[in-house]
Amino acid sequence: MRAEHGRLRIGDVIWGSVLGLIGISIALLVVMLIRGSPAGQSDPCASTLAPLGTVTVDQAEMEFAIAGLERTSQMAMAGNVQGAEQAFFGRVHNLTHNLDTVLRPRDEVLGRQLCQATLALETEFSGARRPQEIARLSQELVRIIRQAMPLVPSG
């Protein structure tokens, strides 16, 4: 803001207020998208993730996804977020979505954890892109998929 003979110009005050309101609105929108509405009406994991691609859910595909998530984690920890993103999106990412539809009827809690971790990793890649958080979320997905393996057909 500029001072003109010791006073703020009204245009500067209005412009600053408008920018402040826009910033607050964006922040509230992001919080609502991540956490849902205050009344909890918007839970993206209330139902299964939408299936993606033609990835078959079986133990071999789950092992492939675990290896891909380990690579995602390693790339992120090395500071290569773009490489981590490439390791995750595609077949590995598709498996996380498709596994939810198979897992949820067998273990509702584990299915919801899978959904939440998948969405959190997707959000991290599209937002802050923090290497340590990408690695942590990748390892969380590894843990969940390993825990889900006995609940899925072997092939």
N, C-alpha and C. Protein backbone atom coordinates (compact mmCIF):
# COMPACT_ATOMS: atom_id res chain seq x y z
N MET A 1 0.84 -1.18 0.00
CA MET A 1 0.00 0.00 0.00
C MET A 1 0.88 1.24 0.00
N ARG A 2 0.43 2.24 -0.68
CA ARG A 2 1.20 3.47 -0.76
C ARG A 2 0.61 4.54 0.16
N ALA A 3 1.47 5.28 0.76
CA ALA A 3 1.02 6.40 1.59
C ALA A 3 1.14 7.66 0.77
N GLU A 4 0.13 8.47 0.82
CA GLU A 4 0.15 9.74 0.11
C GLU A 4 -0.03 10.83 1.15
N HIS A 5 1.01 11.52 1.46
CA HIS A 5 0.98 12.54 2.51
C HIS A 5 0.47 11.95 3.81
N GLY A 6 0.97 10.73 4.17
CA GLY A 6 0.62 10.13 5.45
C GLY A 6 -0.72 9.39 5.46
N ARG A 7 -1.41 9.29 4.33
CA ARG A 7 -2.71 8.61 4.28
C ARG A 7 -2.67 7.46 3.29
N LEU A 8 -3.47 6.46 3.56
CA LEU A 8 -3.62 5.36 2.61
C LEU A 8 -4.64 5.77 1.56
N ARG A 9 -4.36 5.43 0.34
CA ARG A 9 -5.33 5.70 -0.71
C ARG A 9 -6.45 4.69 -0.63
N ILE A 10 -7.66 5.10 -0.83
CA ILE A 10 -8.84 4.23 -0.73
C ILE A 10 -8.76 3.09 -1.75
N GLY A 11 -8.23 3.36 -2.92
CA GLY A 11 -8.08 2.31 -3.94
C GLY A 11 -7.15 1.20 -3.48
N ASP A 12 -6.07 1.56 -2.80
CA ASP A 12 -5.14 0.56 -2.28
C ASP A 12 -5.79 -0.30 -1.21
N VAL A 13 -6.59 0.32 -0.35
CA VAL A 13 -7.28 -0.41 0.71
C VAL A 13 -8.28 -1.39 0.11
N ILE A 14 -9.04 -0.94 -0.87
CA ILE A 14 -10.03 -1.82 -1.51
C ILE A 14 -9.32 -2.96 -2.23
N TRP A 15 -8.29 -2.66 -2.98
CA TRP A 15 -7.54 -3.69 -3.72
C TRP A 15 -6.96 -4.72 -2.74
N GLY A 16 -6.38 -4.28 -1.65
CA GLY A 16 -5.83 -5.19 -0.65
C GLY A 16 -6.91 -6.05 -0.02
N SER A 17 -8.07 -5.47 0.23
CA SER A 17 -9.18 -6.23 0.81
C SER A 17 -9.68 -7.30 -0.16
N VAL A 18 -9.80 -6.95 -1.42
CA VAL A 18 -10.25 -7.91 -2.43
C VAL A 18 -9.27 -9.07 -2.53
N LEU A 19 -7.98 -8.78 -2.59
CA LEU A 19 -6.97 -9.84 -2.65
C LEU A 19 -7.02 -10.72 -1.40
N GLY A 20 -7.21 -10.11 -0.25
CA GLY A 20 -7.31 -10.87 0.99
C GLY A 20 -8.51 -11.80 0.99
N LEU A 21 -9.66 -11.32 0.52
CA LEU A 21 -10.87 -12.15 0.44
C LEU A 21 -10.69 -13.31 -0.54
N ILE A 22 -10.04 -13.05 -1.64
CA ILE A 22 -9.78 -14.12 -2.61
C ILE A 22 -8.89 -15.18 -1.98
N GLY A 23 -7.84 -14.77 -1.29
CA GLY A 23 -6.94 -15.72 -0.63
C GLY A 23 -7.66 -16.54 0.42
N ILE A 24 -8.48 -15.91 1.24
CA ILE A 24 -9.23 -16.63 2.27
C ILE A 24 -10.21 -17.60 1.63
N SER A 25 -10.88 -17.18 0.56
CA SER A 25 -11.83 -18.06 -0.13
C SER A 25 -11.15 -19.30 -0.69
N ILE A 26 -9.99 -19.12 -1.29
CA ILE A 26 -9.24 -20.27 -1.83
C ILE A 26 -8.82 -21.20 -0.71
N ALA A 27 -8.33 -20.65 0.39
CA ALA A 27 -7.92 -21.49 1.53
C ALA A 27 -9.10 -22.29 2.08
N LEU A 28 -10.26 -21.66 2.22
CA LEU A 28 -11.45 -22.37 2.72
C LEU A 28 -11.89 -23.46 1.75
N LEU A 29 -11.82 -23.19 0.46
CA LEU A 29 -12.19 -24.19 -0.54
C LEU A 29 -11.28 -25.40 -0.46
N VAL A 30 -9.98 -25.18 -0.33
CA VAL A 30 -9.03 -26.28 -0.22
C VAL A 30 -9.32 -27.11 1.03
N VAL A 31 -9.56 -26.45 2.16
CA VAL A 31 -9.86 -27.18 3.40
C VAL A 31 -11.14 -28.00 3.23
N MET A 32 -12.16 -27.42 2.61
CA MET A 32 -13.42 -28.15 2.41
C MET A 32 -13.22 -29.35 1.50
N LEU A 33 -12.41 -29.21 0.47
CA LEU A 33 -12.16 -30.33 -0.44
C LEU A 33 -11.40 -31.44 0.25
N ILE A 34 -10.45 -31.09 1.10
CA ILE A 34 -9.64 -32.10 1.77
C ILE A 34 -10.40 -32.75 2.92
N ARG A 35 -11.05 -31.96 3.73
CA ARG A 35 -11.71 -32.49 4.93
C ARG A 35 -13.20 -32.72 4.74
N GLY A 36 -13.78 -32.21 3.71
CA GLY A 36 -15.23 -32.30 3.56
C GLY A 36 -15.87 -31.09 4.22
N SER A 37 -17.18 -31.01 4.11
CA SER A 37 -17.89 -29.88 4.70
C SER A 37 -17.87 -30.00 6.21
N PRO A 38 -18.14 -28.91 6.94
CA PRO A 38 -18.13 -28.96 8.39
C PRO A 38 -19.08 -30.01 8.96
N ALA A 39 -20.19 -30.26 8.30
CA ALA A 39 -21.14 -31.25 8.78
C ALA A 39 -20.74 -32.66 8.36
N GLY A 40 -19.63 -32.81 7.65
CA GLY A 40 -19.16 -34.12 7.23
C GLY A 40 -19.95 -34.69 6.06
N GLN A 41 -20.61 -33.84 5.30
CA GLN A 41 -21.46 -34.29 4.21
C GLN A 41 -20.66 -34.75 3.01
N SER A 42 -19.41 -34.36 2.92
CA SER A 42 -18.63 -34.66 1.73
C SER A 42 -17.43 -35.54 2.09
N ASP A 43 -17.65 -36.84 2.14
CA ASP A 43 -16.57 -37.79 2.44
C ASP A 43 -16.25 -38.54 1.16
N PRO A 44 -15.13 -38.21 0.51
CA PRO A 44 -14.82 -38.88 -0.76
C PRO A 44 -14.60 -40.38 -0.60
N CYS A 45 -14.37 -40.85 0.61
CA CYS A 45 -14.15 -42.28 0.83
C CYS A 45 -15.37 -42.98 1.42
N ALA A 46 -16.53 -42.32 1.35
CA ALA A 46 -17.77 -42.96 1.80
C ALA A 46 -18.10 -44.14 0.89
N SER A 47 -17.69 -44.05 -0.35
CA SER A 47 -17.85 -45.17 -1.28
C SER A 47 -16.48 -45.47 -1.88
N THR A 48 -16.41 -46.55 -2.64
CA THR A 48 -15.12 -46.98 -3.20
C THR A 48 -14.61 -45.98 -4.24
N LEU A 49 -13.31 -46.01 -4.44
CA LEU A 49 -12.70 -45.22 -5.50
C LEU A 49 -13.19 -45.74 -6.85
N ALA A 50 -13.29 -44.87 -7.81
CA ALA A 50 -13.70 -45.28 -9.15
C ALA A 50 -12.62 -46.15 -9.77
N PRO A 51 -13.00 -47.31 -10.33
CA PRO A 51 -12.00 -48.17 -10.99
C PRO A 51 -11.33 -47.44 -12.15
N LEU A 52 -10.06 -47.75 -12.38
CA LEU A 52 -9.29 -47.13 -13.46
C LEU A 52 -8.64 -48.20 -14.32
N GLY A 53 -8.66 -48.00 -15.61
CA GLY A 53 -7.95 -48.90 -16.53
C GLY A 53 -8.44 -50.33 -16.44
N THR A 54 -7.58 -51.22 -16.87
CA THR A 54 -7.94 -52.65 -16.92
C THR A 54 -7.07 -53.49 -16.00
N VAL A 55 -6.54 -52.88 -14.95
CA VAL A 55 -5.67 -53.59 -14.01
C VAL A 55 -6.49 -54.63 -13.26
N THR A 56 -6.05 -55.88 -13.32
CA THR A 56 -6.68 -56.97 -12.59
C THR A 56 -6.17 -56.95 -11.15
N VAL A 57 -7.08 -57.16 -10.22
CA VAL A 57 -6.68 -57.18 -8.81
C VAL A 57 -6.39 -58.62 -8.41
N ASP A 58 -5.11 -58.94 -8.31
CA ASP A 58 -4.67 -60.24 -7.81
C ASP A 58 -3.34 -60.04 -7.10
N GLN A 59 -2.83 -61.11 -6.51
CA GLN A 59 -1.62 -60.99 -5.70
C GLN A 59 -0.41 -60.53 -6.53
N ALA A 60 -0.30 -61.01 -7.76
CA ALA A 60 0.83 -60.61 -8.60
C ALA A 60 0.78 -59.11 -8.89
N GLU A 61 -0.39 -58.61 -9.17
CA GLU A 61 -0.54 -57.18 -9.46
C GLU A 61 -0.27 -56.35 -8.20
N MET A 62 -0.66 -56.90 -7.06
CA MET A 62 -0.41 -56.20 -5.80
C MET A 62 1.10 -56.15 -5.51
N GLU A 63 1.82 -57.22 -5.81
CA GLU A 63 3.28 -57.23 -5.65
C GLU A 63 3.91 -56.19 -6.57
N PHE A 64 3.40 -56.09 -7.80
CA PHE A 64 3.89 -55.08 -8.73
C PHE A 64 3.66 -53.68 -8.16
N ALA A 65 2.47 -53.45 -7.59
CA ALA A 65 2.15 -52.15 -7.02
C ALA A 65 3.06 -51.83 -5.82
N ILE A 66 3.32 -52.83 -5.00
CA ILE A 66 4.21 -52.62 -3.85
C ILE A 66 5.60 -52.21 -4.34
N ALA A 67 6.11 -52.89 -5.35
CA ALA A 67 7.42 -52.54 -5.90
C ALA A 67 7.39 -51.12 -6.47
N GLY A 68 6.31 -50.77 -7.16
CA GLY A 68 6.17 -49.42 -7.71
C GLY A 68 6.08 -48.35 -6.64
N LEU A 69 5.40 -48.66 -5.55
CA LEU A 69 5.30 -47.71 -4.44
C LEU A 69 6.63 -47.56 -3.71
N GLU A 70 7.37 -48.66 -3.61
CA GLU A 70 8.72 -48.58 -3.01
C GLU A 70 9.60 -47.68 -3.88
N ARG A 71 9.48 -47.82 -5.19
CA ARG A 71 10.24 -46.97 -6.11
C ARG A 71 9.79 -45.51 -5.98
N THR A 72 8.48 -45.30 -5.85
CA THR A 72 7.94 -43.96 -5.65
C THR A 72 8.57 -43.32 -4.42
N SER A 73 8.61 -44.08 -3.33
CA SER A 73 9.17 -43.60 -2.07
C SER A 73 10.66 -43.29 -2.22
N GLN A 74 11.40 -44.19 -2.85
CA GLN A 74 12.85 -43.99 -3.03
C GLN A 74 13.14 -42.75 -3.88
N MET A 75 12.38 -42.59 -4.95
CA MET A 75 12.59 -41.43 -5.83
C MET A 75 12.29 -40.14 -5.07
N ALA A 76 11.22 -40.14 -4.29
CA ALA A 76 10.86 -38.95 -3.53
C ALA A 76 11.95 -38.61 -2.51
N MET A 77 12.44 -39.62 -1.80
CA MET A 77 13.47 -39.37 -0.79
C MET A 77 14.77 -38.88 -1.43
N ALA A 78 14.98 -39.22 -2.69
CA ALA A 78 16.16 -38.74 -3.41
C ALA A 78 15.93 -37.33 -3.98
N GLY A 79 14.73 -36.78 -3.74
CA GLY A 79 14.41 -35.45 -4.22
C GLY A 79 13.88 -35.40 -5.63
N ASN A 80 13.63 -36.56 -6.23
CA ASN A 80 13.14 -36.63 -7.60
C ASN A 80 11.62 -36.81 -7.58
N VAL A 81 10.90 -35.72 -7.34
CA VAL A 81 9.44 -35.78 -7.23
C VAL A 81 8.82 -36.15 -8.57
N GLN A 82 9.37 -35.65 -9.67
CA GLN A 82 8.84 -35.99 -10.99
C GLN A 82 8.98 -37.49 -11.24
N GLY A 83 10.12 -38.07 -10.91
CA GLY A 83 10.31 -39.51 -11.06
C GLY A 83 9.37 -40.29 -10.17
N ALA A 84 9.14 -39.81 -8.95
CA ALA A 84 8.20 -40.46 -8.03
C ALA A 84 6.80 -40.44 -8.61
N GLU A 85 6.44 -39.32 -9.19
CA GLU A 85 5.12 -39.17 -9.81
C GLU A 85 4.96 -40.16 -10.97
N GLN A 86 6.00 -40.29 -11.79
CA GLN A 86 5.94 -41.23 -12.91
C GLN A 86 5.87 -42.67 -12.43
N ALA A 87 6.53 -42.97 -11.31
CA ALA A 87 6.49 -44.33 -10.77
C ALA A 87 5.11 -44.67 -10.22
N PHE A 88 4.40 -43.67 -9.71
CA PHE A 88 3.09 -43.91 -9.10
C PHE A 88 1.95 -43.93 -10.11
N PHE A 89 1.88 -42.89 -10.93
CA PHE A 89 0.72 -42.79 -11.83
C PHE A 89 0.86 -43.76 -12.99
N GLY A 90 -0.21 -44.45 -13.28
CA GLY A 90 -0.23 -45.51 -14.28
C GLY A 90 -0.75 -46.77 -13.63
N ARG A 91 -0.08 -47.86 -13.88
CA ARG A 91 -0.52 -49.17 -13.40
C ARG A 91 -0.62 -49.24 -11.86
N VAL A 92 0.34 -48.65 -11.16
CA VAL A 92 0.33 -48.67 -9.69
C VAL A 92 -0.88 -47.90 -9.17
N HIS A 93 -1.07 -46.71 -9.67
CA HIS A 93 -2.21 -45.87 -9.28
C HIS A 93 -3.53 -46.57 -9.59
N ASN A 94 -3.62 -47.15 -10.78
CA ASN A 94 -4.85 -47.85 -11.16
C ASN A 94 -5.15 -48.99 -10.20
N LEU A 95 -4.11 -49.71 -9.77
CA LEU A 95 -4.32 -50.81 -8.82
C LEU A 95 -4.91 -50.30 -7.51
N THR A 96 -4.45 -49.15 -7.02
CA THR A 96 -4.99 -48.65 -5.75
C THR A 96 -6.49 -48.39 -5.88
N HIS A 97 -6.92 -47.88 -7.01
CA HIS A 97 -8.36 -47.64 -7.23
C HIS A 97 -9.11 -48.97 -7.36
N ASN A 98 -8.59 -49.86 -8.18
CA ASN A 98 -9.28 -51.12 -8.44
C ASN A 98 -9.29 -52.03 -7.22
N LEU A 99 -8.26 -51.97 -6.41
CA LEU A 99 -8.21 -52.77 -5.19
C LEU A 99 -9.31 -52.35 -4.22
N ASP A 100 -9.61 -51.07 -4.18
CA ASP A 100 -10.64 -50.60 -3.25
C ASP A 100 -11.98 -51.30 -3.50
N THR A 101 -12.34 -51.48 -4.77
CA THR A 101 -13.63 -52.12 -5.07
C THR A 101 -13.66 -53.58 -4.65
N VAL A 102 -12.51 -54.24 -4.64
CA VAL A 102 -12.42 -55.65 -4.21
C VAL A 102 -12.31 -55.73 -2.69
N LEU A 103 -11.55 -54.83 -2.11
CA LEU A 103 -11.24 -54.88 -0.68
C LEU A 103 -12.40 -54.41 0.19
N ARG A 104 -13.08 -53.38 -0.19
CA ARG A 104 -14.09 -52.74 0.67
C ARG A 104 -15.15 -53.71 1.18
N PRO A 105 -15.70 -54.61 0.33
CA PRO A 105 -16.70 -55.56 0.86
C PRO A 105 -16.11 -56.55 1.87
N ARG A 106 -14.82 -56.79 1.80
CA ARG A 106 -14.17 -57.76 2.69
C ARG A 106 -13.66 -57.13 3.99
N ASP A 107 -13.23 -55.86 3.91
CA ASP A 107 -12.71 -55.15 5.08
C ASP A 107 -12.95 -53.66 4.88
N GLU A 108 -14.07 -53.18 5.41
CA GLU A 108 -14.48 -51.78 5.23
C GLU A 108 -13.42 -50.81 5.74
N VAL A 109 -12.86 -51.08 6.91
CA VAL A 109 -11.88 -50.17 7.51
C VAL A 109 -10.62 -50.09 6.66
N LEU A 110 -10.10 -51.23 6.25
CA LEU A 110 -8.89 -51.24 5.43
C LEU A 110 -9.15 -50.59 4.06
N GLY A 111 -10.33 -50.82 3.50
CA GLY A 111 -10.69 -50.18 2.24
C GLY A 111 -10.73 -48.67 2.35
N ARG A 112 -11.28 -48.18 3.45
CA ARG A 112 -11.31 -46.73 3.67
C ARG A 112 -9.89 -46.17 3.84
N GLN A 113 -9.04 -46.91 4.55
CA GLN A 113 -7.65 -46.48 4.71
C GLN A 113 -6.94 -46.41 3.36
N LEU A 114 -7.20 -47.40 2.51
CA LEU A 114 -6.62 -47.40 1.16
C LEU A 114 -7.09 -46.18 0.39
N CYS A 115 -8.38 -45.92 0.44
CA CYS A 115 -8.95 -44.76 -0.25
C CYS A 115 -8.32 -43.47 0.25
N GLN A 116 -8.27 -43.29 1.56
CA GLN A 116 -7.73 -42.06 2.14
C GLN A 116 -6.25 -41.87 1.80
N ALA A 117 -5.47 -42.93 1.86
CA ALA A 117 -4.04 -42.82 1.54
C ALA A 117 -3.84 -42.53 0.06
N THR A 118 -4.65 -43.16 -0.80
CA THR A 118 -4.55 -42.92 -2.24
C THR A 118 -4.87 -41.47 -2.56
N LEU A 119 -5.98 -40.98 -2.01
CA LEU A 119 -6.37 -39.59 -2.27
C LEU A 119 -5.36 -38.61 -1.69
N ALA A 120 -4.80 -38.93 -0.54
CA ALA A 120 -3.79 -38.05 0.06
C ALA A 120 -2.55 -37.97 -0.83
N LEU A 121 -2.13 -39.10 -1.39
CA LEU A 121 -0.95 -39.10 -2.27
C LEU A 121 -1.26 -38.35 -3.57
N GLU A 122 -2.44 -38.57 -4.13
CA GLU A 122 -2.83 -37.82 -5.33
C GLU A 122 -2.81 -36.32 -5.05
N THR A 123 -3.35 -35.93 -3.90
CA THR A 123 -3.41 -34.52 -3.51
C THR A 123 -2.01 -33.95 -3.32
N GLU A 124 -1.12 -34.73 -2.71
CA GLU A 124 0.25 -34.27 -2.49
C GLU A 124 0.96 -34.03 -3.83
N PHE A 125 0.74 -34.93 -4.79
CA PHE A 125 1.36 -34.74 -6.10
C PHE A 125 0.79 -33.52 -6.82
N SER A 126 -0.48 -33.22 -6.60
CA SER A 126 -1.08 -32.09 -7.31
C SER A 126 -0.95 -30.78 -6.53
N GLY A 127 -0.40 -30.86 -5.32
CA GLY A 127 -0.29 -29.66 -4.50
C GLY A 127 1.12 -29.34 -4.09
N ALA A 128 1.41 -29.58 -2.82
CA ALA A 128 2.69 -29.16 -2.22
C ALA A 128 3.90 -29.92 -2.77
N ARG A 129 3.70 -31.20 -3.15
CA ARG A 129 4.78 -32.01 -3.74
C ARG A 129 5.99 -32.13 -2.80
N ARG A 130 5.72 -32.34 -1.50
CA ARG A 130 6.79 -32.48 -0.51
C ARG A 130 7.36 -33.90 -0.57
N PRO A 131 8.65 -34.03 -0.86
CA PRO A 131 9.26 -35.36 -1.01
C PRO A 131 9.05 -36.28 0.18
N GLN A 132 9.24 -35.78 1.39
CA GLN A 132 9.09 -36.65 2.57
C GLN A 132 7.66 -37.11 2.75
N GLU A 133 6.70 -36.25 2.44
CA GLU A 133 5.29 -36.63 2.57
C GLU A 133 4.91 -37.64 1.48
N ILE A 134 5.43 -37.47 0.29
CA ILE A 134 5.19 -38.43 -0.79
C ILE A 134 5.75 -39.79 -0.39
N ALA A 135 6.95 -39.81 0.16
CA ALA A 135 7.56 -41.07 0.61
C ALA A 135 6.74 -41.70 1.73
N ARG A 136 6.29 -40.90 2.68
CA ARG A 136 5.50 -41.42 3.80
C ARG A 136 4.19 -42.02 3.32
N LEU A 137 3.50 -41.31 2.44
CA LEU A 137 2.22 -41.80 1.93
C LEU A 137 2.41 -43.05 1.07
N SER A 138 3.49 -43.11 0.32
CA SER A 138 3.80 -44.30 -0.48
C SER A 138 3.99 -45.50 0.43
N GLN A 139 4.72 -45.31 1.51
CA GLN A 139 4.95 -46.40 2.47
C GLN A 139 3.65 -46.80 3.18
N GLU A 140 2.78 -45.84 3.42
CA GLU A 140 1.48 -46.15 4.02
C GLU A 140 0.67 -47.04 3.07
N LEU A 141 0.71 -46.73 1.78
CA LEU A 141 0.02 -47.57 0.80
C LEU A 141 0.64 -48.96 0.73
N VAL A 142 1.95 -49.06 0.83
CA VAL A 142 2.62 -50.37 0.85
C VAL A 142 2.08 -51.19 2.03
N ARG A 143 2.01 -50.57 3.20
CA ARG A 143 1.52 -51.25 4.40
C ARG A 143 0.09 -51.75 4.20
N ILE A 144 -0.76 -50.90 3.66
CA ILE A 144 -2.17 -51.26 3.46
C ILE A 144 -2.30 -52.39 2.44
N ILE A 145 -1.57 -52.31 1.34
CA ILE A 145 -1.66 -53.35 0.30
C ILE A 145 -1.16 -54.68 0.85
N ARG A 146 -0.07 -54.65 1.60
CA ARG A 146 0.42 -55.90 2.21
C ARG A 146 -0.62 -56.49 3.15
N GLN A 147 -1.27 -55.65 3.91
CA GLN A 147 -2.30 -56.11 4.84
C GLN A 147 -3.51 -56.67 4.08
N ALA A 148 -3.77 -56.15 2.90
CA ALA A 148 -4.92 -56.59 2.10
C ALA A 148 -4.65 -57.87 1.32
N MET A 149 -3.41 -58.23 1.13
CA MET A 149 -3.08 -59.38 0.27
C MET A 149 -3.82 -60.66 0.62
N PRO A 150 -3.94 -61.05 1.89
CA PRO A 150 -4.65 -62.29 2.19
C PRO A 150 -6.15 -62.24 1.84
N LEU A 151 -6.67 -61.06 1.62
CA LEU A 151 -8.10 -60.91 1.33
C LEU A 151 -8.42 -60.93 -0.16
N VAL A 152 -7.38 -61.04 -0.98
CA VAL A 152 -7.53 -60.95 -2.44
C VAL A 152 -7.13 -62.28 -3.07
N PRO A 153 -7.85 -62.69 -4.14
CA PRO A 153 -7.49 -63.95 -4.82
C PRO A 153 -6.04 -63.94 -5.31
N SER A 154 -5.43 -65.12 -5.33
CA SER A 154 -4.02 -65.22 -5.72
C SER A 154 -3.82 -65.15 -7.22
N GLY A 155 -4.83 -65.22 -7.99
CA GLY A 155 -4.62 -65.07 -9.43
C GLY A 155 -5.39 -66.01 -10.17
